[in-house]
Amino acid sequence: MAEVTDADFATEVIGADLPVLVEFTADWCPPCRQMAPVLSALAVEEADRFRVVQLNVDENPVTTNAYKVLSMPTFMVFRDGEPVRSMVGARPKRRLLEELADVV
């Protein structure tokens, strides 16, 4: 799964052709680690529909603050450069796909 930073967020997420699911994550966050295999699977299985990327909140405060992310993990879907859905907390893959169905 790709990682994005403050430096390449505009290119990789805002300017992306496909919708992008961004996980705002942190190394110290157990639910974030719990989501890693789920997101890795989605990145492969749904590669033709949307991209999945991670942004480390501790290393990238500009983007984290710009989108007012306060809890980890926060999932944000960007489509056509705009955030269209935001979800907080770990969830099973099936539920995550259900929540993404109308925005990707």
C-alpha atoms as a PDB file:
ATOM      1  CA  MET A   1       0.000   0.000   0.000  1.00  0.00           C
ATOM      2  CA  ALA A   2       1.345   3.399  -0.970  1.00  0.00           C
ATOM      3  CA  GLU A   3       2.271   6.052   1.567  1.00  0.00           C
ATOM      4  CA  VAL A   4       1.720   9.738   0.905  1.00  0.00           C
ATOM      5  CA  THR A   5       3.237  12.769   2.600  1.00  0.00           C
ATOM      6  CA  ASP A   6       2.545  16.474   2.957  1.00  0.00           C
ATOM      7  CA  ALA A   7       4.898  16.969   0.000  1.00  0.00           C
ATOM      8  CA  ASP A   8       3.099  14.684  -2.479  1.00  0.00           C
ATOM      9  CA  PHE A   9      -0.495  14.714  -1.148  1.00  0.00           C
ATOM     10  CA  ALA A  10      -1.684  17.189  -3.807  1.00  0.00           C
ATOM     11  CA  THR A  11      -0.249  15.092  -6.626  1.00  0.00           C
ATOM     12  CA  GLU A  12      -1.088  11.626  -5.333  1.00  0.00           C
ATOM     13  CA  VAL A  13      -4.532  12.301  -3.825  1.00  0.00           C
ATOM     14  CA  ILE A  14      -6.000  15.629  -4.975  1.00  0.00           C
ATOM     15  CA  GLY A  15      -4.823  15.150  -8.562  1.00  0.00           C
ATOM     16  CA  ALA A  16      -5.593  11.423  -8.823  1.00  0.00           C
ATOM     17  CA  ASP A  17      -7.700  10.102 -11.694  1.00  0.00           C
ATOM     18  CA  LEU A  18      -9.389   7.479  -9.513  1.00  0.00           C
ATOM     19  CA  PRO A  19     -11.051   8.054  -6.136  1.00  0.00           C
ATOM     20  CA  VAL A  20      -8.534   7.681  -3.296  1.00  0.00           C
ATOM     21  CA  LEU A  21      -9.140   6.172   0.143  1.00  0.00           C
ATOM     22  CA  VAL A  22      -6.686   7.808   2.549  1.00  0.00           C
ATOM     23  CA  GLU A  23      -6.019   6.239   5.924  1.00  0.00           C
ATOM     24  CA  PHE A  24      -4.704   8.809   8.388  1.00  0.00           C
ATOM     25  CA  THR A  25      -2.618   6.559  10.615  1.00  0.00           C
ATOM     26  CA  ALA A  26       0.092   6.472  13.278  1.00  0.00           C
ATOM     27  CA  ASP A  27       2.697   3.890  14.238  1.00  0.00           C
ATOM     28  CA  TRP A  28       1.496   3.913  17.860  1.00  0.00           C
ATOM     29  CA  CYS A  29      -2.162   3.228  16.944  1.00  0.00           C
ATOM     30  CA  PRO A  30      -3.292  -0.409  17.538  1.00  0.00           C
ATOM     31  CA  PRO A  31      -6.549  -0.067  15.500  1.00  0.00           C
ATOM     32  CA  CYS A  32      -4.454   1.321  12.626  1.00  0.00           C
ATOM     33  CA  ARG A  33      -2.244  -1.775  12.705  1.00  0.00           C
ATOM     34  CA  GLN A  34      -5.396  -3.894  12.812  1.00  0.00           C
ATOM     35  CA  MET A  35      -6.586  -2.243   9.568  1.00  0.00           C
ATOM     36  CA  ALA A  36      -3.311  -2.827   7.672  1.00  0.00           C
ATOM     37  CA  PRO A  37      -4.191  -6.273   6.221  1.00  0.00           C
ATOM     38  CA  VAL A  38      -7.704  -5.094   5.318  1.00  0.00           C
ATOM     39  CA  LEU A  39      -6.396  -2.044   3.467  1.00  0.00           C
ATOM     40  CA  SER A  40      -3.645  -4.025   1.757  1.00  0.00           C
ATOM     41  CA  ALA A  41      -6.238  -6.478   0.465  1.00  0.00           C
ATOM     42  CA  LEU A  42      -8.495  -3.654  -0.744  1.00  0.00           C
ATOM     43  CA  ALA A  43      -5.564  -1.966  -2.482  1.00  0.00           C
ATOM     44  CA  VAL A  44      -5.125  -5.093  -4.611  1.00  0.00           C
ATOM     45  CA  GLU A  45      -8.748  -6.218  -5.011  1.00  0.00           C
ATOM     46  CA  GLU A  46     -10.176  -2.784  -5.844  1.00  0.00           C
ATOM     47  CA  ALA A  47      -7.220  -1.320  -7.783  1.00  0.00           C
ATOM     48  CA  ASP A  48      -9.396  -0.705 -10.855  1.00  0.00           C
ATOM     49  CA  ARG A  49     -12.012   1.245  -8.827  1.00  0.00           C
ATOM     50  CA  PHE A  50      -9.987   3.282  -6.320  1.00  0.00           C
ATOM     51  CA  ARG A  51      -6.522   3.745  -4.783  1.00  0.00           C
ATOM     52  CA  VAL A  52      -5.683   3.109  -1.141  1.00  0.00           C
ATOM     53  CA  VAL A  53      -2.939   5.156   0.532  1.00  0.00           C
ATOM     54  CA  GLN A  54      -1.718   5.877   4.054  1.00  0.00           C
ATOM     55  CA  LEU A  55      -0.627   9.158   5.579  1.00  0.00           C
ATOM     56  CA  ASN A  56       1.327   9.105   8.859  1.00  0.00           C
ATOM     57  CA  VAL A  57      -0.174  11.876  11.002  1.00  0.00           C
ATOM     58  CA  ASP A  58       2.945  12.321  13.133  1.00  0.00           C
ATOM     59  CA  GLU A  59       5.191  12.865  10.121  1.00  0.00           C
ATOM     60  CA  ASN A  60       2.710  14.932   8.069  1.00  0.00           C
ATOM     61  CA  PRO A  61       1.058  17.559  10.300  1.00  0.00           C
ATOM     62  CA  VAL A  62       0.187  19.990   7.488  1.00  0.00           C
ATOM     63  CA  THR A  63      -2.234  17.621   5.722  1.00  0.00           C
ATOM     64  CA  THR A  64      -3.487  16.171   9.009  1.00  0.00           C
ATOM     65  CA  ASN A  65      -4.407  19.649  10.302  1.00  0.00           C
ATOM     66  CA  ALA A  66      -5.792  20.811   6.953  1.00  0.00           C
ATOM     67  CA  TYR A  67      -8.441  18.069   7.106  1.00  0.00           C
ATOM     68  CA  LYS A  68      -8.958  18.403  10.885  1.00  0.00           C
ATOM     69  CA  VAL A  69      -8.060  14.791  11.621  1.00  0.00           C
ATOM     70  CA  LEU A  70      -8.169  14.213  15.382  1.00  0.00           C
ATOM     71  CA  SER A  71      -8.603  10.439  15.776  1.00  0.00           C
ATOM     72  CA  MET A  72      -6.847   7.466  14.260  1.00  0.00           C
ATOM     73  CA  PRO A  73      -7.562   5.719  12.102  1.00  0.00           C
ATOM     74  CA  THR A  74      -9.528   8.231  10.074  1.00  0.00           C
ATOM     75  CA  PHE A  75     -10.481   7.185   6.562  1.00  0.00           C
ATOM     76  CA  MET A  76     -11.215   9.861   4.005  1.00  0.00           C
ATOM     77  CA  VAL A  77     -12.334   9.315   0.428  1.00  0.00           C
ATOM     78  CA  PHE A  78     -11.256  11.921  -2.097  1.00  0.00           C
ATOM     79  CA  ARG A  79     -12.949  12.100  -5.476  1.00  0.00           C
ATOM     80  CA  ASP A  80     -12.097  14.749  -8.073  1.00  0.00           C
ATOM     81  CA  GLY A  81      -9.832  16.436  -5.529  1.00  0.00           C
ATOM     82  CA  GLU A  82     -12.501  16.828  -2.852  1.00  0.00           C
ATOM     83  CA  PRO A  83     -13.148  14.852   0.340  1.00  0.00           C
ATOM     84  CA  VAL A  84     -16.524  13.127  -0.129  1.00  0.00           C
ATOM     85  CA  ARG A  85     -16.638  10.768   2.878  1.00  0.00           C
ATOM     86  CA  SER A  86     -14.962  10.581   6.257  1.00  0.00           C
ATOM     87  CA  MET A  87     -15.061   7.648   8.680  1.00  0.00           C
ATOM     88  CA  VAL A  88     -13.341   7.201  12.044  1.00  0.00           C
ATOM     89  CA  GLY A  89     -12.288   3.917  13.625  1.00  0.00           C
ATOM     90  CA  ALA A  90     -11.381   0.394  12.603  1.00  0.00           C
ATOM     91  CA  ARG A  91     -14.026  -1.674  10.845  1.00  0.00           C
ATOM     92  CA  PRO A  92     -14.301  -5.024   9.074  1.00  0.00           C
ATOM     93  CA  LYS A  93     -13.582  -5.121   5.340  1.00  0.00           C
ATOM     94  CA  ARG A  94     -17.207  -5.841   4.405  1.00  0.00           C
ATOM     95  CA  ARG A  95     -18.490  -2.831   6.362  1.00  0.00           C
ATOM     96  CA  LEU A  96     -15.798  -0.587   4.901  1.00  0.00           C
ATOM     97  CA  LEU A  97     -16.780  -1.636   1.371  1.00  0.00           C
ATOM     98  CA  GLU A  98     -20.449  -0.988   2.163  1.00  0.00           C
ATOM     99  CA  GLU A  99     -19.601   2.514   3.394  1.00  0.00           C
ATOM    100  CA  LEU A 100     -17.546   3.179   0.266  1.00  0.00           C
ATOM    101  CA  ALA A 101     -20.119   1.817  -2.194  1.00  0.00           C
ATOM    102  CA  ASP A 102     -21.792   5.133  -3.045  1.00  0.00           C
ATOM    103  CA  VAL A 103     -18.608   7.242  -3.264  1.00  0.00           C
ATOM    104  CA  VAL A 104     -16.212   5.150  -5.373  1.00  0.00           C
END
